[in-house]
């Protein structure tokens, strides 16, 4: 299979499965926020049965989503403008990757519990081990080992992810039972906090659906422009996600610490937390950006050797880099407001950013045939609105109480 077509297929299927995971994983932030608040109030005994109940709901939901999507996945990917071999490989990749949905949702739920307990060490360990294992398995299964393992190409990349997710799930189960005060035994009646947790999750799900509408449109338009365009878009977005993971640790700290300080009824600490996190993430984003400008022409070569793809990627990569300080602010306040259980605010912010920012800018850019420029200018406006709205509201609520 042509490397550009393979990259395009993985990009389309990966975008869709990421959308599903992000939507279903919103209970992680809700779990984290509620547990952090009880932790801050020194009242964990009141929610002993809550984690097991919500983890069970998550796993059942993931199985339902798998059964629902696997039969319609070809029609779904046609909505991304995929066709021919790209469509065939996208479907094949998804049907394998989707096996890992229950594993992924279980891992995210456990991560939410650990973060609520102010423990980010074990989620970090599991994530690093899972990522390293995935990389090794990618090389082994995609390219094969002569005389031992045949090259599986796109399907190999999918199995690499599923195996890594399964092992991460087993590690998460063991650490949950050993390192937390909770168990996985289901106790009735249903915990009273389930209603609030599901309400938080529902609002965050609506928020994430609007987020994924933006991601879907970006990939659908890139695919419409041609295989080289979706391949270049895939590279740019994977680098965007790589940057996001650097900031995610600080956003997660904002999530768990703001929830704890809310439980302690100490708004001055929430203000100080925001200043510290924004300083750290802003500096990190600048350093990452400078490193990318230094190695600008070589970064794309890590993903593709196709000259046409690299030319397209390099033409818009500077926009991805310039976005990073804006992204840092948006991600930090996302985390803080999740910890404060402000799901309605986060929902409304994403709805505004997507439907009044991203989509109009994309459509205008497409009309003027800006193609990848239209997509990434739309992303830039999207992140400006996300970060700007949250920054304004946070300062309005907390700056008067910072002393």
Protein backbone atom coordinates (compact mmCIF):
# COMPACT_ATOMS: atom_id res chain seq x y z
CA UNK A 1 0.00 0.00 0.00
CA UNK A 2 1.22 3.52 -0.83
CA UNK A 3 2.62 5.18 2.37
CA UNK A 4 0.55 8.30 1.75
CA UNK A 5 -2.66 6.25 1.49
CA UNK A 6 -1.73 4.30 4.63
CA UNK A 7 -1.12 7.51 6.56
CA UNK A 8 -4.41 8.95 5.29
CA UNK A 9 -6.33 5.81 6.32
CA UNK A 10 -4.85 5.80 9.82
CA UNK A 11 -5.50 9.53 10.10
CA UNK A 12 -9.19 9.19 9.23
CA UNK A 13 -9.85 6.13 11.41
CA UNK A 14 -7.68 7.47 14.22
CA UNK A 15 -9.58 10.76 14.17
CA UNK A 16 -12.92 8.98 14.53
CA UNK A 17 -11.82 6.63 17.29
CA UNK A 18 -10.19 9.53 19.14
CA UNK A 19 -13.52 11.35 18.93
CA UNK A 20 -15.31 8.39 20.51
CA UNK A 21 -12.70 8.03 23.25
CA UNK A 22 -12.72 11.74 24.06
CA UNK A 23 -16.51 11.72 24.28
CA UNK A 24 -16.73 8.63 26.49
CA UNK A 25 -13.74 9.62 28.62
CA UNK A 26 -15.40 12.76 29.97
CA UNK A 27 -16.42 10.79 33.05
CA UNK A 28 -12.69 10.78 33.92
CA UNK A 29 -12.77 14.52 34.55
CA UNK A 30 -16.10 14.25 36.38
CA UNK A 31 -14.77 11.45 38.61
CA UNK A 32 -11.59 13.40 39.27
CA UNK A 33 -13.48 16.59 40.19
CA UNK A 34 -15.87 14.90 42.62
CA UNK A 35 -13.24 12.72 44.31
CA UNK A 36 -10.89 15.73 44.61
CA UNK A 37 -13.62 17.75 46.33
CA UNK A 38 -14.28 14.96 48.84
CA UNK A 39 -10.53 14.50 49.28
CA UNK A 40 -10.12 18.22 50.04
CA UNK A 41 -12.97 18.03 52.56
CA UNK A 42 -11.41 14.86 54.11
CA UNK A 43 -14.62 12.89 53.43
CA UNK A 44 -13.59 10.03 51.12
CA UNK A 45 -15.53 7.54 53.24
CA UNK A 46 -18.76 9.03 51.90
CA UNK A 47 -18.03 7.93 48.31
CA UNK A 48 -16.65 4.41 48.84
CA UNK A 49 -19.10 2.82 46.38
CA UNK A 50 -18.99 5.56 43.71
CA UNK A 51 -15.91 4.55 41.61
CA UNK A 52 -17.05 0.96 41.08
CA UNK A 53 -20.49 2.09 39.95
CA UNK A 54 -19.28 4.65 37.43
CA UNK A 55 -16.54 2.33 36.09
CA UNK A 56 -19.22 -0.30 35.44
CA UNK A 57 -21.36 2.27 33.60
CA UNK A 58 -18.34 3.24 31.49
CA UNK A 59 -17.53 -0.31 30.44
CA UNK A 60 -21.14 -1.09 29.51
CA UNK A 61 -21.33 2.14 27.52
CA UNK A 62 -18.11 1.37 25.64
CA UNK A 63 -19.42 -2.08 24.65
CA UNK A 64 -22.64 -0.51 23.40
CA UNK A 65 -20.73 2.07 21.32
CA UNK A 66 -18.53 -0.68 19.85
CA UNK A 67 -21.56 -2.73 18.81
CA UNK A 68 -23.28 0.36 17.39
CA UNK A 69 -20.39 1.68 15.30
CA UNK A 70 -18.68 -1.44 14.01
CA UNK A 71 -21.61 -2.28 11.69
CA UNK A 72 -21.85 1.22 10.21
CA UNK A 73 -18.20 2.18 10.10
CA UNK A 74 -17.93 2.12 6.29
CA UNK A 75 -20.80 4.59 5.97
CA UNK A 76 -19.26 6.72 8.71
CA UNK A 77 -15.91 6.97 6.91
CA UNK A 78 -17.64 7.85 3.65
CA UNK A 79 -18.79 10.99 5.49
CA UNK A 80 -15.08 11.80 5.81
CA UNK A 81 -14.89 11.67 1.99
CA UNK A 82 -12.84 8.45 2.15
CA UNK A 83 -13.05 6.11 -0.84
CA UNK A 84 -11.22 3.26 -2.54
CA UNK A 85 -8.22 1.77 -0.76
CA UNK A 86 -8.18 4.56 1.85
CA UNK A 87 -11.77 3.68 2.82
CA UNK A 88 -11.00 -0.04 2.89
CA UNK A 89 -7.98 0.37 5.16
CA UNK A 90 -9.74 2.90 7.38
CA UNK A 91 -12.52 0.39 8.02
CA UNK A 92 -10.05 -2.44 8.64
CA UNK A 93 -8.04 -0.29 11.09
CA UNK A 94 -11.14 0.80 13.00
CA UNK A 95 -12.64 -2.68 13.38
CA UNK A 96 -9.45 -3.81 15.11
CA UNK A 97 -8.83 -0.66 17.16
CA UNK A 98 -12.42 -0.66 18.43
CA UNK A 99 -11.69 -3.87 20.38
CA UNK A 100 -9.66 -1.67 22.71
CA UNK A 101 -12.53 0.70 23.63
CA UNK A 102 -13.48 -1.04 26.91
CA UNK A 103 -9.78 -1.20 27.90
CA UNK A 104 -9.30 2.49 27.20
CA UNK A 105 -12.42 3.57 29.09
CA UNK A 106 -11.44 1.46 32.09
CA UNK A 107 -7.95 3.00 32.12
CA UNK A 108 -9.34 6.53 31.89
CA UNK A 109 -11.78 5.86 34.73
CA UNK A 110 -8.96 4.61 36.96
CA UNK A 111 -6.87 7.64 36.01
CA UNK A 112 -9.77 9.84 37.14
CA UNK A 113 -9.78 8.14 40.54
CA UNK A 114 -6.01 8.54 40.99
CA UNK A 115 -6.12 12.18 39.93
CA UNK A 116 -8.93 12.89 42.35
CA UNK A 117 -6.71 11.43 45.07
CA UNK A 118 -3.98 13.92 44.01
CA UNK A 119 -1.87 11.07 42.65
CA UNK A 120 -0.64 11.59 39.09
CA UNK A 121 2.39 9.31 39.49
CA UNK A 122 0.70 6.01 38.64
CA UNK A 123 -1.25 7.37 35.65
CA UNK A 124 2.07 8.76 34.38
CA UNK A 125 3.83 5.40 34.82
CA UNK A 126 1.03 3.51 33.06
CA UNK A 127 0.89 6.06 30.22
CA UNK A 128 4.66 5.96 29.63
CA UNK A 129 4.80 2.15 29.67
CA UNK A 130 1.79 1.97 27.35
CA UNK A 131 3.28 4.49 24.91
CA UNK A 132 6.66 2.73 24.82
CA UNK A 133 5.02 -0.66 24.31
CA UNK A 134 2.85 0.77 21.54
CA UNK A 135 5.92 2.16 19.74
CA UNK A 136 7.77 -1.17 19.93
CA UNK A 137 4.71 -3.13 18.77
CA UNK A 138 4.18 -0.65 15.92
CA UNK A 139 7.62 -1.43 14.50
CA UNK A 140 7.22 -5.17 15.02
CA UNK A 141 3.69 -5.56 13.67
CA UNK A 142 3.68 -2.88 10.96
CA UNK A 143 7.02 -3.84 9.36
CA UNK A 144 7.23 -7.43 10.66
CA UNK A 145 10.23 -9.59 11.55
CA UNK A 146 11.52 -11.60 8.62
CA UNK A 147 10.73 -15.30 8.97
CA UNK A 148 8.86 -14.77 12.26
CA UNK A 149 6.14 -12.11 12.05
CA UNK A 150 4.70 -10.98 8.69
CA UNK A 151 4.37 -7.25 7.98
CA UNK A 152 0.78 -6.29 8.82
CA UNK A 153 0.99 -2.60 7.79
CA UNK A 154 -2.15 -0.63 8.78
CA UNK A 155 -3.71 -3.60 10.58
CA UNK A 156 -0.47 -4.07 12.53
CA UNK A 157 -0.67 -0.50 13.83
CA UNK A 158 -4.23 -1.19 15.02
CA UNK A 159 -3.26 -4.41 16.83
CA UNK A 160 -0.29 -2.64 18.43
CA UNK A 161 -2.68 -0.13 20.00
CA UNK A 162 -5.14 -2.79 21.19
CA UNK A 163 -2.42 -4.91 22.83
CA UNK A 164 -0.90 -1.86 24.52
CA UNK A 165 -4.34 -0.79 25.80
CA UNK A 166 -5.02 -4.27 27.17
CA UNK A 167 -1.76 -4.31 29.13
CA UNK A 168 -2.41 -0.76 30.41
CA UNK A 169 -5.84 -1.93 31.55
CA UNK A 170 -4.35 -4.86 33.49
CA UNK A 171 -1.81 -2.56 35.19
CA UNK A 172 -4.55 -0.07 36.03
CA UNK A 173 -6.68 -2.78 37.61
CA UNK A 174 -3.81 -4.01 39.79
CA UNK A 175 -2.83 -0.51 40.93
CA UNK A 176 -6.45 0.50 41.58
CA UNK A 177 -6.87 -2.45 43.95
CA UNK A 178 -3.48 -1.94 45.62
CA UNK A 179 -3.09 1.84 45.80
CA UNK A 180 -6.58 3.29 46.35
CA UNK A 181 -9.07 3.01 49.24
CA UNK A 182 -11.77 1.81 46.83
CA UNK A 183 -12.82 -1.60 45.50
CA UNK A 184 -14.58 -2.75 42.33
CA UNK A 185 -17.40 -4.51 44.15
CA UNK A 186 -20.80 -3.12 43.19
CA UNK A 187 -22.75 -1.97 46.23
CA UNK A 188 -26.38 -0.88 46.13
CA UNK A 189 -28.19 1.44 46.37
CA UNK A 190 -26.89 3.74 43.65
CA UNK A 191 -24.72 6.45 45.22
CA UNK A 192 -26.41 9.89 45.43
CA UNK A 193 -23.41 11.52 43.67
CA UNK A 194 -24.04 9.41 40.56
CA UNK A 195 -26.67 11.90 39.43
CA UNK A 196 -24.28 14.85 39.72
CA UNK A 197 -21.47 12.86 38.12
CA UNK A 198 -23.65 11.87 35.17
CA UNK A 199 -24.87 15.47 34.81
CA UNK A 200 -21.27 16.70 34.73
CA UNK A 201 -20.37 13.96 32.27
CA UNK A 202 -23.34 14.73 30.00
CA UNK A 203 -22.40 18.40 29.73
CA UNK A 204 -18.79 17.47 29.07
CA UNK A 205 -19.95 14.96 26.44
CA UNK A 206 -21.94 17.69 24.65
CA UNK A 207 -18.83 19.86 24.87
CA UNK A 208 -16.68 17.10 23.42
CA UNK A 209 -19.15 16.39 20.62
CA UNK A 210 -18.87 20.02 19.53
CA UNK A 211 -15.07 19.68 19.76
CA UNK A 212 -15.17 16.62 17.55
CA UNK A 213 -17.42 18.32 15.02
CA UNK A 214 -14.49 20.70 14.47
CA UNK A 215 -12.04 17.79 14.15
CA UNK A 216 -14.37 15.90 11.83
CA UNK A 217 -14.80 18.90 9.53
CA UNK A 218 -11.05 19.49 9.44
CA UNK A 219 -10.39 15.90 8.34
CA UNK A 220 -13.37 15.75 5.98
CA UNK A 221 -12.27 18.91 4.15
CA UNK A 222 -8.62 17.77 4.04
CA UNK A 223 -9.72 14.43 2.58
CA UNK A 224 -11.85 16.26 -0.01
CA UNK A 225 -8.73 18.13 -1.17
CA UNK A 226 -6.86 14.85 -1.84
CA UNK A 227 -4.71 12.09 -0.31
CA UNK A 228 -1.66 14.35 0.02
CA UNK A 229 -3.72 16.92 1.92
CA UNK A 230 -5.19 14.48 4.46
CA UNK A 231 -1.73 12.96 4.93
CA UNK A 232 -0.23 16.42 5.63
CA UNK A 233 -3.20 17.24 7.87
CA UNK A 234 -2.64 14.00 9.80
CA UNK A 235 1.02 14.90 10.42
CA UNK A 236 0.17 18.44 11.55
CA UNK A 237 -2.58 17.23 13.88
CA UNK A 238 -0.42 14.50 15.40
CA UNK A 239 2.20 17.14 16.24
CA UNK A 240 -0.56 19.37 17.64
CA UNK A 241 -1.59 16.46 19.89
CA UNK A 242 2.04 15.85 20.87
CA UNK A 243 2.27 19.47 22.08
CA UNK A 244 -1.05 19.04 23.88
CA UNK A 245 0.29 16.07 25.84
CA UNK A 246 3.11 18.23 27.19
CA UNK A 247 0.55 20.70 28.52
CA UNK A 248 -1.92 18.01 29.60
CA UNK A 249 0.03 17.20 32.77
CA UNK A 250 -0.33 20.79 33.95
CA UNK A 251 -3.99 20.88 32.90
CA UNK A 252 -4.54 17.70 34.91
CA UNK A 253 -2.82 19.33 37.89
CA UNK A 254 -5.25 22.22 37.51
CA UNK A 255 -8.11 19.72 37.42
CA UNK A 256 -7.18 17.89 40.61
CA UNK A 257 -5.82 20.82 42.63
CA UNK A 258 -8.69 23.21 41.88
CA UNK A 259 -11.15 20.50 42.98
CA UNK A 260 -9.22 20.01 46.21
CA UNK A 261 -9.09 23.77 46.92
CA UNK A 262 -12.81 24.01 46.18
CA UNK A 263 -13.40 21.28 48.75
CA UNK A 264 -11.27 23.30 51.19
CA UNK A 265 -13.26 26.47 50.33
CA UNK A 266 -10.07 28.43 49.54
CA UNK A 267 -10.49 30.55 46.35
CA UNK A 268 -7.15 32.36 46.87
CA UNK A 269 -5.31 29.08 46.26
CA UNK A 270 -7.28 28.57 43.04
CA UNK A 271 -6.11 32.00 41.84
CA UNK A 272 -2.46 31.27 42.69
CA UNK A 273 -2.72 27.87 41.01
CA UNK A 274 -3.87 29.48 37.75
CA UNK A 275 -0.97 31.95 37.74
CA UNK A 276 1.63 29.24 38.35
CA UNK A 277 0.25 26.82 35.77
CA UNK A 278 -0.08 29.49 33.09
CA UNK A 279 3.51 30.61 33.66
CA UNK A 280 4.88 27.06 33.38
CA UNK A 281 2.85 26.12 30.31
CA UNK A 282 3.56 29.39 28.51
CA UNK A 283 7.32 28.89 28.92
CA UNK A 284 7.08 25.23 27.81
CA UNK A 285 5.05 26.17 24.73
CA UNK A 286 7.62 28.82 23.76
CA UNK A 287 10.50 26.36 24.16
CA UNK A 288 8.71 23.71 22.08
CA UNK A 289 7.90 26.30 19.44
CA UNK A 290 11.50 27.49 19.19
CA UNK A 291 12.73 23.90 18.89
CA UNK A 292 10.27 23.31 16.04
CA UNK A 293 11.41 26.41 14.17
CA UNK A 294 15.04 25.29 14.52
CA UNK A 295 14.26 21.83 13.08
CA UNK A 296 11.42 23.01 10.86
CA UNK A 297 12.41 21.20 7.65
CA UNK A 298 13.25 17.90 9.32
CA UNK A 299 10.22 17.25 11.52
CA UNK A 300 7.92 16.18 8.70
CA UNK A 301 10.48 13.59 7.60
CA UNK A 302 9.76 11.67 10.81
CA UNK A 303 6.29 10.90 9.41
CA UNK A 304 6.61 10.81 5.63
CA UNK A 305 9.19 10.85 2.83
CA UNK A 306 6.68 11.93 0.18
CA UNK A 307 7.82 15.28 -1.23
CA UNK A 308 4.31 16.53 -2.05
CA UNK A 309 3.06 15.71 1.45
CA UNK A 310 6.04 17.41 3.09
CA UNK A 311 5.60 20.53 0.97
CA UNK A 312 1.98 20.84 2.09
CA UNK A 313 2.86 20.14 5.70
CA UNK A 314 5.70 22.67 5.79
CA UNK A 315 3.45 25.32 4.28
CA UNK A 316 1.14 25.33 7.34
CA UNK A 317 3.37 24.00 10.16
CA UNK A 318 4.24 27.55 11.27
CA UNK A 319 0.56 28.10 12.17
CA UNK A 320 0.61 25.00 14.41
CA UNK A 321 3.70 26.36 16.17
CA UNK A 322 2.32 29.87 16.69
CA UNK A 323 -0.84 28.43 18.25
CA UNK A 324 0.99 26.82 21.15
CA UNK A 325 0.96 29.68 23.72
CA UNK A 326 -2.76 30.17 23.03
CA UNK A 327 -3.33 26.43 23.42
CA UNK A 328 -1.49 26.47 26.75
CA UNK A 329 -3.88 29.04 28.22
CA UNK A 330 -6.95 27.21 26.90
CA UNK A 331 -5.84 23.79 28.19
CA UNK A 332 -4.91 25.09 31.66
CA UNK A 333 -8.28 26.76 32.18
CA UNK A 334 -10.04 23.70 30.76
CA UNK A 335 -8.41 21.68 33.54
CA UNK A 336 -9.13 24.21 36.29
CA UNK A 337 -12.80 24.61 35.38
CA UNK A 338 -13.22 20.82 35.14
CA UNK A 339 -11.89 20.57 38.70
CA UNK A 340 -14.39 23.24 39.76
CA UNK A 341 -17.14 21.11 38.15
CA UNK A 342 -18.05 23.99 35.79
CA UNK A 343 -19.25 21.67 33.04
CA UNK A 344 -21.96 24.03 31.77
CA UNK A 345 -19.43 26.84 31.25
CA UNK A 346 -17.05 24.50 29.43
CA UNK A 347 -19.89 23.21 27.28
CA UNK A 348 -21.04 26.68 26.28
CA UNK A 349 -17.48 27.84 25.58
CA UNK A 350 -16.89 24.99 23.12
CA UNK A 351 -20.25 25.53 21.44
CA UNK A 352 -19.38 29.20 20.88
CA UNK A 353 -15.83 28.42 19.72
CA UNK A 354 -17.00 25.73 17.28
CA UNK A 355 -20.17 27.18 15.80
CA UNK A 356 -19.30 30.88 15.90
CA UNK A 357 -15.56 30.52 15.35
CA UNK A 358 -14.22 27.36 13.74
CA UNK A 359 -16.99 26.53 11.29
CA UNK A 360 -17.53 30.03 9.83
CA UNK A 361 -13.77 30.58 9.40
CA UNK A 362 -13.34 27.15 7.76
CA UNK A 363 -16.22 27.73 5.35
CA UNK A 364 -14.96 31.19 4.39
CA UNK A 365 -11.42 29.84 3.91
CA UNK A 366 -12.72 26.95 1.80
CA UNK A 367 -14.70 29.38 -0.35
CA UNK A 368 -11.48 31.25 -1.10
CA UNK A 369 -9.69 27.90 -1.75
CA UNK A 370 -7.22 28.30 1.11
CA UNK A 371 -7.42 24.53 1.78
CA UNK A 372 -5.02 23.57 4.64
CA UNK A 373 -4.57 27.24 5.49
CA UNK A 374 -8.34 27.48 6.01
CA UNK A 375 -8.29 24.49 8.36
CA UNK A 376 -5.46 25.77 10.54
CA UNK A 377 -6.59 29.39 10.62
CA UNK A 378 -9.95 28.01 11.79
CA UNK A 379 -8.15 26.00 14.49
CA UNK A 380 -6.29 29.14 15.58
CA UNK A 381 -9.54 31.13 15.94
CA UNK A 382 -11.11 28.14 17.73
CA UNK A 383 -8.36 28.07 20.36
CA UNK A 384 -8.37 31.86 20.76
CA UNK A 385 -12.06 31.76 21.63
CA UNK A 386 -11.67 28.76 23.95
CA UNK A 387 -8.82 30.30 25.90
CA UNK A 388 -10.07 33.89 25.78
CA UNK A 389 -13.56 33.18 27.13
CA UNK A 390 -12.29 31.02 30.00
CA UNK A 391 -9.53 33.51 30.90
CA UNK A 392 -12.04 36.39 31.00
CA UNK A 393 -14.54 34.54 33.19
CA UNK A 394 -11.88 33.17 35.54
CA UNK A 395 -10.37 36.63 36.11
CA UNK A 396 -13.82 38.10 36.66
CA UNK A 397 -14.66 35.50 39.32
CA UNK A 398 -11.35 35.05 41.13
CA UNK A 399 -9.10 38.08 40.71
CA UNK A 400 -11.13 40.10 43.25
CA UNK A 401 -10.50 37.34 45.82
CA UNK A 402 -6.85 36.65 45.11
CA UNK A 403 -5.58 38.23 48.33
